[in-house]
PDB file of all heavy atoms in Angstrom:
ATOM      1  N   HIS A   1     -20.582   5.740  14.886  1.00  0.00           N
ATOM      2  CA  HIS A   1     -20.891   7.138  15.173  1.00  0.00           C
ATOM      3  C   HIS A   1     -19.662   8.036  15.139  1.00  0.00           C
ATOM      4  O   HIS A   1     -19.747   9.204  15.513  1.00  0.00           O
ATOM      5  CB  HIS A   1     -21.568   7.244  16.538  1.00  0.00           C
ATOM      6  CG  HIS A   1     -22.797   6.390  16.671  1.00  0.00           C
ATOM      7  ND1 HIS A   1     -23.950   6.636  15.964  1.00  0.00           N
ATOM      8  CD2 HIS A   1     -23.027   5.275  17.418  1.00  0.00           C
ATOM      9  CE1 HIS A   1     -24.856   5.712  16.275  1.00  0.00           C
ATOM     10  NE2 HIS A   1     -24.316   4.882  17.152  1.00  0.00           N
ATOM     11  N   ASP A   2     -18.544   7.480  14.710  1.00  0.00           N
ATOM     12  CA  ASP A   2     -17.315   8.264  14.599  1.00  0.00           C
ATOM     13  C   ASP A   2     -17.207   8.777  13.164  1.00  0.00           C
ATOM     14  O   ASP A   2     -17.121   8.005  12.216  1.00  0.00           O
ATOM     15  CB  ASP A   2     -16.105   7.387  14.956  1.00  0.00           C
ATOM     16  CG  ASP A   2     -14.832   8.197  15.112  1.00  0.00           C
ATOM     17  OD1 ASP A   2     -14.546   9.026  14.223  1.00  0.00           O
ATOM     18  OD2 ASP A   2     -14.105   7.993  16.100  1.00  0.00           O
ATOM     19  N   ASP A   3     -17.207  10.093  12.997  1.00  0.00           N
ATOM     20  CA  ASP A   3     -17.182  10.673  11.649  1.00  0.00           C
ATOM     21  C   ASP A   3     -15.915  10.306  10.891  1.00  0.00           C
ATOM     22  O   ASP A   3     -15.950  10.087   9.669  1.00  0.00           O
ATOM     23  CB  ASP A   3     -17.305  12.202  11.735  1.00  0.00           C
ATOM     24  CG  ASP A   3     -18.685  12.632  12.231  1.00  0.00           C
ATOM     25  OD1 ASP A   3     -19.642  11.844  12.081  1.00  0.00           O
ATOM     26  OD2 ASP A   3     -18.791  13.743  12.798  1.00  0.00           O
ATOM     27  N   ASN A   4     -14.783  10.240  11.591  1.00  0.00           N
ATOM     28  CA  ASN A   4     -13.536   9.859  10.921  1.00  0.00           C
ATOM     29  C   ASN A   4     -13.598   8.430  10.404  1.00  0.00           C
ATOM     30  O   ASN A   4     -13.152   8.137   9.287  1.00  0.00           O
ATOM     31  CB  ASN A   4     -12.358  10.018  11.887  1.00  0.00           C
ATOM     32  CG  ASN A   4     -12.119  11.464  12.266  1.00  0.00           C
ATOM     33  OD1 ASN A   4     -12.246  12.363  11.436  1.00  0.00           O
ATOM     34  ND2 ASN A   4     -11.779  11.705  13.526  1.00  0.00           N
ATOM     35  N   LEU A   5     -14.166   7.534  11.197  1.00  0.00           N
ATOM     36  CA  LEU A   5     -14.305   6.143  10.771  1.00  0.00           C
ATOM     37  C   LEU A   5     -15.277   6.031   9.601  1.00  0.00           C
ATOM     38  O   LEU A   5     -15.025   5.279   8.645  1.00  0.00           O
ATOM     39  CB  LEU A   5     -14.772   5.292  11.951  1.00  0.00           C
ATOM     40  CG  LEU A   5     -15.050   3.815  11.661  1.00  0.00           C
ATOM     41  CD1 LEU A   5     -13.820   3.134  11.078  1.00  0.00           C
ATOM     42  CD2 LEU A   5     -15.510   3.090  12.921  1.00  0.00           C
ATOM     43  N   LEU A   6     -16.363   6.755   9.651  1.00  0.00           N
ATOM     44  CA  LEU A   6     -17.333   6.713   8.555  1.00  0.00           C
ATOM     45  C   LEU A   6     -16.702   7.194   7.254  1.00  0.00           C
ATOM     46  O   LEU A   6     -16.969   6.629   6.182  1.00  0.00           O
ATOM     47  CB  LEU A   6     -18.540   7.582   8.907  1.00  0.00           C
ATOM     48  CG  LEU A   6     -19.429   7.095  10.051  1.00  0.00           C
ATOM     49  CD1 LEU A   6     -20.522   8.117  10.348  1.00  0.00           C
ATOM     50  CD2 LEU A   6     -20.051   5.743   9.722  1.00  0.00           C
ATOM     51  N   GLN A   7     -15.851   8.204   7.333  1.00  0.00           N
ATOM     52  CA  GLN A   7     -15.202   8.712   6.127  1.00  0.00           C
ATOM     53  C   GLN A   7     -14.226   7.678   5.562  1.00  0.00           C
ATOM     54  O   GLN A   7     -14.127   7.511   4.342  1.00  0.00           O
ATOM     55  CB  GLN A   7     -14.468  10.018   6.446  1.00  0.00           C
ATOM     56  CG  GLN A   7     -13.849  10.686   5.227  1.00  0.00           C
ATOM     57  CD  GLN A   7     -13.213  12.012   5.562  1.00  0.00           C
ATOM     58  OE1 GLN A   7     -13.179  12.417   6.725  1.00  0.00           O
ATOM     59  NE2 GLN A   7     -12.694  12.701   4.559  1.00  0.00           N
ATOM     60  N   LEU A   8     -13.515   6.975   6.429  1.00  0.00           N
ATOM     61  CA  LEU A   8     -12.591   5.941   5.971  1.00  0.00           C
ATOM     62  C   LEU A   8     -13.343   4.807   5.277  1.00  0.00           C
ATOM     63  O   LEU A   8     -12.915   4.314   4.217  1.00  0.00           O
ATOM     64  CB  LEU A   8     -11.791   5.397   7.151  1.00  0.00           C
ATOM     65  CG  LEU A   8     -10.746   6.326   7.766  1.00  0.00           C
ATOM     66  CD1 LEU A   8     -10.167   5.708   9.025  1.00  0.00           C
ATOM     67  CD2 LEU A   8      -9.639   6.630   6.754  1.00  0.00           C
ATOM     68  N   ILE A   9     -14.447   4.375   5.865  1.00  0.00           N
ATOM     69  CA  ILE A   9     -15.226   3.285   5.259  1.00  0.00           C
ATOM     70  C   ILE A   9     -15.788   3.714   3.911  1.00  0.00           C
ATOM     71  O   ILE A   9     -15.735   2.950   2.927  1.00  0.00           O
ATOM     72  CB  ILE A   9     -16.363   2.860   6.213  1.00  0.00           C
ATOM     73  CG1 ILE A   9     -15.789   2.256   7.503  1.00  0.00           C
ATOM     74  CG2 ILE A   9     -17.282   1.851   5.537  1.00  0.00           C
ATOM     75  CD1 ILE A   9     -16.834   1.924   8.545  1.00  0.00           C
ATOM     76  N   ASP A  10     -16.286   4.928   3.844  1.00  0.00           N
ATOM     77  CA  ASP A  10     -16.855   5.427   2.588  1.00  0.00           C
ATOM     78  C   ASP A  10     -15.798   5.497   1.494  1.00  0.00           C
ATOM     79  O   ASP A  10     -16.054   5.149   0.335  1.00  0.00           O
ATOM     80  CB  ASP A  10     -17.470   6.808   2.831  1.00  0.00           C
ATOM     81  CG  ASP A  10     -18.280   7.287   1.635  1.00  0.00           C
ATOM     82  OD1 ASP A  10     -19.238   6.593   1.260  1.00  0.00           O
ATOM     83  OD2 ASP A  10     -17.947   8.337   1.080  1.00  0.00           O
ATOM     84  N   THR A  11     -14.593   5.904   1.852  1.00  0.00           N
ATOM     85  CA  THR A  11     -13.501   5.958   0.880  1.00  0.00           C
ATOM     86  C   THR A  11     -13.101   4.565   0.428  1.00  0.00           C
ATOM     87  O   THR A  11     -12.847   4.327  -0.764  1.00  0.00           O
ATOM     88  CB  THR A  11     -12.287   6.678   1.486  1.00  0.00           C
ATOM     89  OG1 THR A  11     -12.672   7.982   1.918  1.00  0.00           O
ATOM     90  CG2 THR A  11     -11.164   6.797   0.472  1.00  0.00           C
ATOM     91  N   ALA A  12     -13.057   3.618   1.350  1.00  0.00           N
ATOM     92  CA  ALA A  12     -12.654   2.252   1.007  1.00  0.00           C
ATOM     93  C   ALA A  12     -13.660   1.587   0.077  1.00  0.00           C
ATOM     94  O   ALA A  12     -13.279   0.832  -0.830  1.00  0.00           O
ATOM     95  CB  ALA A  12     -12.494   1.422   2.283  1.00  0.00           C
ATOM     96  N   LEU A  13     -14.934   1.851   0.275  1.00  0.00           N
ATOM     97  CA  LEU A  13     -15.952   1.233  -0.576  1.00  0.00           C
ATOM     98  C   LEU A  13     -15.889   1.737  -2.014  1.00  0.00           C
ATOM     99  O   LEU A  13     -16.470   1.126  -2.913  1.00  0.00           O
ATOM    100  CB  LEU A  13     -17.348   1.488   0.004  1.00  0.00           C
ATOM    101  CG  LEU A  13     -17.629   0.843   1.357  1.00  0.00           C
ATOM    102  CD1 LEU A  13     -19.044   1.142   1.817  1.00  0.00           C
ATOM    103  CD2 LEU A  13     -17.406  -0.664   1.292  1.00  0.00           C
ATOM    104  N   VAL A  14     -15.180   2.838  -2.226  1.00  0.00           N
ATOM    105  CA  VAL A  14     -15.015   3.372  -3.582  1.00  0.00           C
ATOM    106  C   VAL A  14     -13.680   2.956  -4.183  1.00  0.00           C
ATOM    107  O   VAL A  14     -13.601   2.602  -5.366  1.00  0.00           O
ATOM    108  CB  VAL A  14     -15.133   4.914  -3.574  1.00  0.00           C
ATOM    109  CG1 VAL A  14     -14.866   5.484  -4.967  1.00  0.00           C
ATOM    110  CG2 VAL A  14     -16.513   5.332  -3.089  1.00  0.00           C
ATOM    111  N   ASN A  15     -12.626   2.948  -3.369  1.00  0.00           N
ATOM    112  CA  ASN A  15     -11.273   2.793  -3.906  1.00  0.00           C
ATOM    113  C   ASN A  15     -10.644   1.426  -3.677  1.00  0.00           C
ATOM    114  O   ASN A  15      -9.612   1.144  -4.300  1.00  0.00           O
ATOM    115  CB  ASN A  15     -10.345   3.853  -3.294  1.00  0.00           C
ATOM    116  CG  ASN A  15     -10.786   5.268  -3.626  1.00  0.00           C
ATOM    117  OD1 ASN A  15     -11.439   5.501  -4.640  1.00  0.00           O
ATOM    118  ND2 ASN A  15     -10.433   6.216  -2.774  1.00  0.00           N
ATOM    119  N   ASN A  16     -11.194   0.595  -2.797  1.00  0.00           N
ATOM    120  CA  ASN A  16     -10.527  -0.666  -2.473  1.00  0.00           C
ATOM    121  C   ASN A  16     -10.394  -1.549  -3.715  1.00  0.00           C
ATOM    122  O   ASN A  16     -11.380  -1.825  -4.416  1.00  0.00           O
ATOM    123  CB  ASN A  16     -11.305  -1.396  -1.377  1.00  0.00           C
ATOM    124  CG  ASN A  16     -10.597  -2.658  -0.932  1.00  0.00           C
ATOM    125  OD1 ASN A  16     -10.895  -3.744  -1.391  1.00  0.00           O
ATOM    126  ND2 ASN A  16      -9.655  -2.519  -0.010  1.00  0.00           N
ATOM    127  N   GLN A  17      -9.173  -2.016  -3.980  1.00  0.00           N
ATOM    128  CA  GLN A  17      -8.911  -2.760  -5.207  1.00  0.00           C
ATOM    129  C   GLN A  17      -9.603  -4.118  -5.221  1.00  0.00           C
ATOM    130  O   GLN A  17     -10.161  -4.542  -6.244  1.00  0.00           O
ATOM    131  CB  GLN A  17      -7.396  -2.947  -5.393  1.00  0.00           C
ATOM    132  CG  GLN A  17      -6.647  -1.681  -5.791  1.00  0.00           C
ATOM    133  CD  GLN A  17      -6.328  -0.783  -4.612  1.00  0.00           C
ATOM    134  OE1 GLN A  17      -6.610  -1.135  -3.473  1.00  0.00           O
ATOM    135  NE2 GLN A  17      -5.730   0.370  -4.869  1.00  0.00           N
ATOM    136  N   GLU A  18      -9.560  -4.837  -4.111  1.00  0.00           N
ATOM    137  CA  GLU A  18     -10.187  -6.157  -4.077  1.00  0.00           C
ATOM    138  C   GLU A  18     -11.693  -6.057  -4.307  1.00  0.00           C
ATOM    139  O   GLU A  18     -12.284  -6.896  -4.996  1.00  0.00           O
ATOM    140  CB  GLU A  18      -9.894  -6.836  -2.739  1.00  0.00           C
ATOM    141  CG  GLU A  18      -8.431  -7.199  -2.539  1.00  0.00           C
ATOM    142  CD  GLU A  18      -8.214  -7.984  -1.261  1.00  0.00           C
ATOM    143  OE1 GLU A  18      -9.220  -8.443  -0.678  1.00  0.00           O
ATOM    144  OE2 GLU A  18      -7.056  -8.139  -0.850  1.00  0.00           O
ATOM    145  N   LEU A  19     -12.302  -5.043  -3.751  1.00  0.00           N
ATOM    146  CA  LEU A  19     -13.733  -4.859  -3.942  1.00  0.00           C
ATOM    147  C   LEU A  19     -14.046  -4.533  -5.398  1.00  0.00           C
ATOM    148  O   LEU A  19     -15.030  -5.030  -5.963  1.00  0.00           O
ATOM    149  CB  LEU A  19     -14.239  -3.749  -3.022  1.00  0.00           C
ATOM    150  CG  LEU A  19     -15.744  -3.474  -3.051  1.00  0.00           C
ATOM    151  CD1 LEU A  19     -16.529  -4.730  -2.693  1.00  0.00           C
ATOM    152  CD2 LEU A  19     -16.099  -2.340  -2.108  1.00  0.00           C
ATOM    153  N   ASN A  20     -13.210  -3.719  -6.026  1.00  0.00           N
ATOM    154  CA  ASN A  20     -13.432  -3.401  -7.438  1.00  0.00           C
ATOM    155  C   ASN A  20     -13.235  -4.615  -8.333  1.00  0.00           C
ATOM    156  O   ASN A  20     -13.902  -4.762  -9.361  1.00  0.00           O
ATOM    157  CB  ASN A  20     -12.480  -2.273  -7.863  1.00  0.00           C
ATOM    158  CG  ASN A  20     -12.869  -0.929  -7.274  1.00  0.00           C
ATOM    159  OD1 ASN A  20     -14.047  -0.641  -7.092  1.00  0.00           O
ATOM    160  ND2 ASN A  20     -11.884  -0.100  -6.965  1.00  0.00           N
ATOM    161  N   ILE A  21     -12.335  -5.514  -7.948  1.00  0.00           N
ATOM    162  CA  ILE A  21     -12.165  -6.759  -8.707  1.00  0.00           C
ATOM    163  C   ILE A  21     -13.443  -7.589  -8.639  1.00  0.00           C
ATOM    164  O   ILE A  21     -13.909  -8.145  -9.647  1.00  0.00           O
ATOM    165  CB  ILE A  21     -10.957  -7.547  -8.161  1.00  0.00           C
ATOM    166  CG1 ILE A  21      -9.651  -6.810  -8.487  1.00  0.00           C
ATOM    167  CG2 ILE A  21     -10.921  -8.955  -8.744  1.00  0.00           C
ATOM    168  CD1 ILE A  21      -8.429  -7.426  -7.854  1.00  0.00           C
ATOM    169  N   ILE A  22     -14.037  -7.682  -7.463  1.00  0.00           N
ATOM    170  CA  ILE A  22     -15.275  -8.444  -7.308  1.00  0.00           C
ATOM    171  C   ILE A  22     -16.405  -7.805  -8.098  1.00  0.00           C
ATOM    172  O   ILE A  22     -17.247  -8.501  -8.688  1.00  0.00           O
ATOM    173  CB  ILE A  22     -15.625  -8.568  -5.816  1.00  0.00           C
ATOM    174  CG1 ILE A  22     -14.601  -9.447  -5.104  1.00  0.00           C
ATOM    175  CG2 ILE A  22     -17.029  -9.130  -5.627  1.00  0.00           C
ATOM    176  CD1 ILE A  22     -14.874  -9.654  -3.643  1.00  0.00           C
ATOM    177  N   LEU A  23     -16.445  -6.472  -8.142  1.00  0.00           N
ATOM    178  CA  LEU A  23     -17.489  -5.804  -8.914  1.00  0.00           C
ATOM    179  C   LEU A  23     -17.381  -6.148 -10.395  1.00  0.00           C
ATOM    180  O   LEU A  23     -18.397  -6.309 -11.081  1.00  0.00           O
ATOM    181  CB  LEU A  23     -17.387  -4.289  -8.715  1.00  0.00           C
ATOM    182  CG  LEU A  23     -17.741  -3.770  -7.311  1.00  0.00           C
ATOM    183  CD1 LEU A  23     -17.518  -2.268  -7.231  1.00  0.00           C
ATOM    184  CD2 LEU A  23     -19.184  -4.112  -6.959  1.00  0.00           C
ATOM    185  N   ASN A  24     -16.177  -6.297 -10.900  1.00  0.00           N
ATOM    186  CA  ASN A  24     -16.010  -6.715 -12.293  1.00  0.00           C
ATOM    187  C   ASN A  24     -16.389  -8.175 -12.489  1.00  0.00           C
ATOM    188  O   ASN A  24     -16.878  -8.555 -13.558  1.00  0.00           O
ATOM    189  CB  ASN A  24     -14.568  -6.480 -12.740  1.00  0.00           C
ATOM    190  CG  ASN A  24     -14.293  -5.021 -13.073  1.00  0.00           C
ATOM    191  OD1 ASN A  24     -14.580  -4.560 -14.168  1.00  0.00           O
ATOM    192  ND2 ASN A  24     -13.755  -4.290 -12.115  1.00  0.00           N
ATOM    193  N   GLU A  25     -16.175  -9.004 -11.476  1.00  0.00           N
ATOM    194  CA  GLU A  25     -16.634 -10.391 -11.560  1.00  0.00           C
ATOM    195  C   GLU A  25     -18.163 -10.454 -11.635  1.00  0.00           C
ATOM    196  O   GLU A  25     -18.729 -11.328 -12.300  1.00  0.00           O
ATOM    197  CB  GLU A  25     -16.123 -11.187 -10.362  1.00  0.00           C
ATOM    198  CG  GLU A  25     -14.615 -11.410 -10.365  1.00  0.00           C
ATOM    199  CD  GLU A  25     -14.146 -12.190  -9.156  1.00  0.00           C
ATOM    200  OE1 GLU A  25     -15.003 -12.493  -8.294  1.00  0.00           O
ATOM    201  OE2 GLU A  25     -12.955 -12.500  -9.069  1.00  0.00           O
ATOM    202  N   ILE A  26     -18.816  -9.530 -10.958  1.00  0.00           N
ATOM    203  CA  ILE A  26     -20.276  -9.469 -11.043  1.00  0.00           C
ATOM    204  C   ILE A  26     -20.713  -9.135 -12.461  1.00  0.00           C
ATOM    205  O   ILE A  26     -21.681  -9.706 -12.988  1.00  0.00           O
ATOM    206  CB  ILE A  26     -20.815  -8.441 -10.039  1.00  0.00           C
ATOM    207  CG1 ILE A  26     -20.571  -8.929  -8.605  1.00  0.00           C
ATOM    208  CG2 ILE A  26     -22.297  -8.178 -10.256  1.00  0.00           C
ATOM    209  CD1 ILE A  26     -20.990  -7.931  -7.547  1.00  0.00           C
ATOM    210  N   GLU A  27     -20.006  -8.220 -13.110  1.00  0.00           N
ATOM    211  CA  GLU A  27     -20.334  -7.884 -14.495  1.00  0.00           C
ATOM    212  C   GLU A  27     -20.130  -9.088 -15.414  1.00  0.00           C
ATOM    213  O   GLU A  27     -20.907  -9.319 -16.343  1.00  0.00           O
ATOM    214  CB  GLU A  27     -19.471  -6.708 -14.961  1.00  0.00           C
ATOM    215  CG  GLU A  27     -19.842  -5.380 -14.332  1.00  0.00           C
ATOM    216  CD  GLU A  27     -21.264  -4.972 -14.683  1.00  0.00           C
ATOM    217  OE1 GLU A  27     -21.671  -5.148 -15.838  1.00  0.00           O
ATOM    218  OE2 GLU A  27     -21.971  -4.474 -13.779  1.00  0.00           O
ATOM    219  N   ILE A  28     -19.092  -9.871 -15.143  1.00  0.00           N
ATOM    220  CA  ILE A  28     -18.858 -11.081 -15.943  1.00  0.00           C
ATOM    221  C   ILE A  28     -20.005 -12.061 -15.759  1.00  0.00           C
ATOM    222  O   ILE A  28     -20.506 -12.655 -16.725  1.00  0.00           O
ATOM    223  CB  ILE A  28     -17.514 -11.723 -15.541  1.00  0.00           C
ATOM    224  CG1 ILE A  28     -16.357 -10.789 -15.908  1.00  0.00           C
ATOM    225  CG2 ILE A  28     -17.337 -13.080 -16.214  1.00  0.00           C
ATOM    226  CD1 ILE A  28     -15.006 -11.269 -15.407  1.00  0.00           C
ATOM    227  N   ALA A  29     -20.443 -12.255 -14.513  1.00  0.00           N
ATOM    228  CA  ALA A  29     -21.565 -13.160 -14.257  1.00  0.00           C
ATOM    229  C   ALA A  29     -22.847 -12.633 -14.894  1.00  0.00           C
ATOM    230  O   ALA A  29     -23.678 -13.410 -15.382  1.00  0.00           O
ATOM    231  CB  ALA A  29     -21.754 -13.335 -12.747  1.00  0.00           C
ATOM    232  N   LYS A  30     -23.008 -11.318 -14.912  1.00  0.00           N
ATOM    233  CA  LYS A  30     -24.192 -10.731 -15.540  1.00  0.00           C
ATOM    234  C   LYS A  30     -24.188 -10.984 -17.043  1.00  0.00           C
ATOM    235  O   LYS A  30     -25.235 -11.287 -17.638  1.00  0.00           O
ATOM    236  CB  LYS A  30     -24.229  -9.235 -15.248  1.00  0.00           C
ATOM    237  CG  LYS A  30     -25.474  -8.522 -15.758  1.00  0.00           C
ATOM    238  CD  LYS A  30     -25.446  -7.060 -15.362  1.00  0.00           C
ATOM    239  CE  LYS A  30     -26.696  -6.332 -15.864  1.00  0.00           C
ATOM    240  NZ  LYS A  30     -26.664  -4.892 -15.474  1.00  0.00           N
ATOM    241  N   ASN A  31     -23.044 -10.876 -17.676  1.00  0.00           N
ATOM    242  CA  ASN A  31     -22.947 -11.151 -19.108  1.00  0.00           C
ATOM    243  C   ASN A  31     -23.172 -12.626 -19.413  1.00  0.00           C
ATOM    244  O   ASN A  31     -23.660 -12.972 -20.491  1.00  0.00           O
ATOM    245  CB  ASN A  31     -21.581 -10.707 -19.629  1.00  0.00           C
ATOM    246  CG  ASN A  31     -21.409  -9.204 -19.603  1.00  0.00           C
ATOM    247  OD1 ASN A  31     -22.385  -8.462 -19.733  1.00  0.00           O
ATOM    248  ND2 ASN A  31     -20.187  -8.737 -19.417  1.00  0.00           N
ATOM    249  N   GLU A  32     -22.829 -13.495 -18.467  1.00  0.00           N
ATOM    250  CA  GLU A  32     -23.072 -14.930 -18.670  1.00  0.00           C
ATOM    251  C   GLU A  32     -24.570 -15.208 -18.768  1.00  0.00           C
ATOM    252  O   GLU A  32     -24.992 -16.122 -19.498  1.00  0.00           O
ATOM    253  CB  GLU A  32     -22.441 -15.722 -17.516  1.00  0.00           C
ATOM    254  CG  GLU A  32     -22.543 -17.222 -17.659  1.00  0.00           C
ATOM    255  CD  GLU A  32     -21.730 -17.776 -18.806  1.00  0.00           C
ATOM    256  OE1 GLU A  32     -20.810 -17.077 -19.276  1.00  0.00           O
ATOM    257  OE2 GLU A  32     -22.027 -18.904 -19.235  1.00  0.00           O
ATOM    258  N   ILE A  33     -25.371 -14.445 -18.071  1.00  0.00           N
ATOM    259  CA  ILE A  33     -26.829 -14.608 -18.175  1.00  0.00           C
ATOM    260  C   ILE A  33     -27.290 -14.297 -19.591  1.00  0.00           C
ATOM    261  O   ILE A  33     -28.116 -15.011 -20.165  1.00  0.00           O
ATOM    262  CB  ILE A  33     -27.537 -13.686 -17.158  1.00  0.00           C
ATOM    263  CG1 ILE A  33     -27.135 -14.057 -15.733  1.00  0.00           C
ATOM    264  CG2 ILE A  33     -29.048 -13.778 -17.320  1.00  0.00           C
ATOM    265  CD1 ILE A  33     -27.699 -13.121 -14.696  1.00  0.00           C
ATOM    266  N   ARG A  34     -26.751 -13.253 -20.177  1.00  0.00           N
ATOM    267  CA  ARG A  34     -27.131 -12.892 -21.541  1.00  0.00           C
ATOM    268  C   ARG A  34     -26.716 -13.974 -22.525  1.00  0.00           C
ATOM    269  O   ARG A  34     -27.431 -14.261 -23.489  1.00  0.00           O
ATOM    270  CB  ARG A  34     -26.484 -11.557 -21.921  1.00  0.00           C
ATOM    271  CG  ARG A  34     -26.882 -10.404 -21.005  1.00  0.00           C
ATOM    272  CD  ARG A  34     -26.209  -9.119 -21.402  1.00  0.00           C
ATOM    273  NE  ARG A  34     -26.631  -8.681 -22.729  1.00  0.00           N
ATOM    274  CZ  ARG A  34     -26.176  -7.579 -23.308  1.00  0.00           C
ATOM    275  NH1 ARG A  34     -25.295  -6.810 -22.670  1.00  0.00           N
ATOM    276  NH2 ARG A  34     -26.591  -7.246 -24.507  1.00  0.00           N
TER     277      ARG A  34
END
């Protein structure tokens, strides 16, 4: 319920490098299905 904390989490879910690496791994796994 803290607006400052919510803004930090929202920013991290867009910019965090480790998370973006995993998102690309998901794309690789998706292409493996094809």
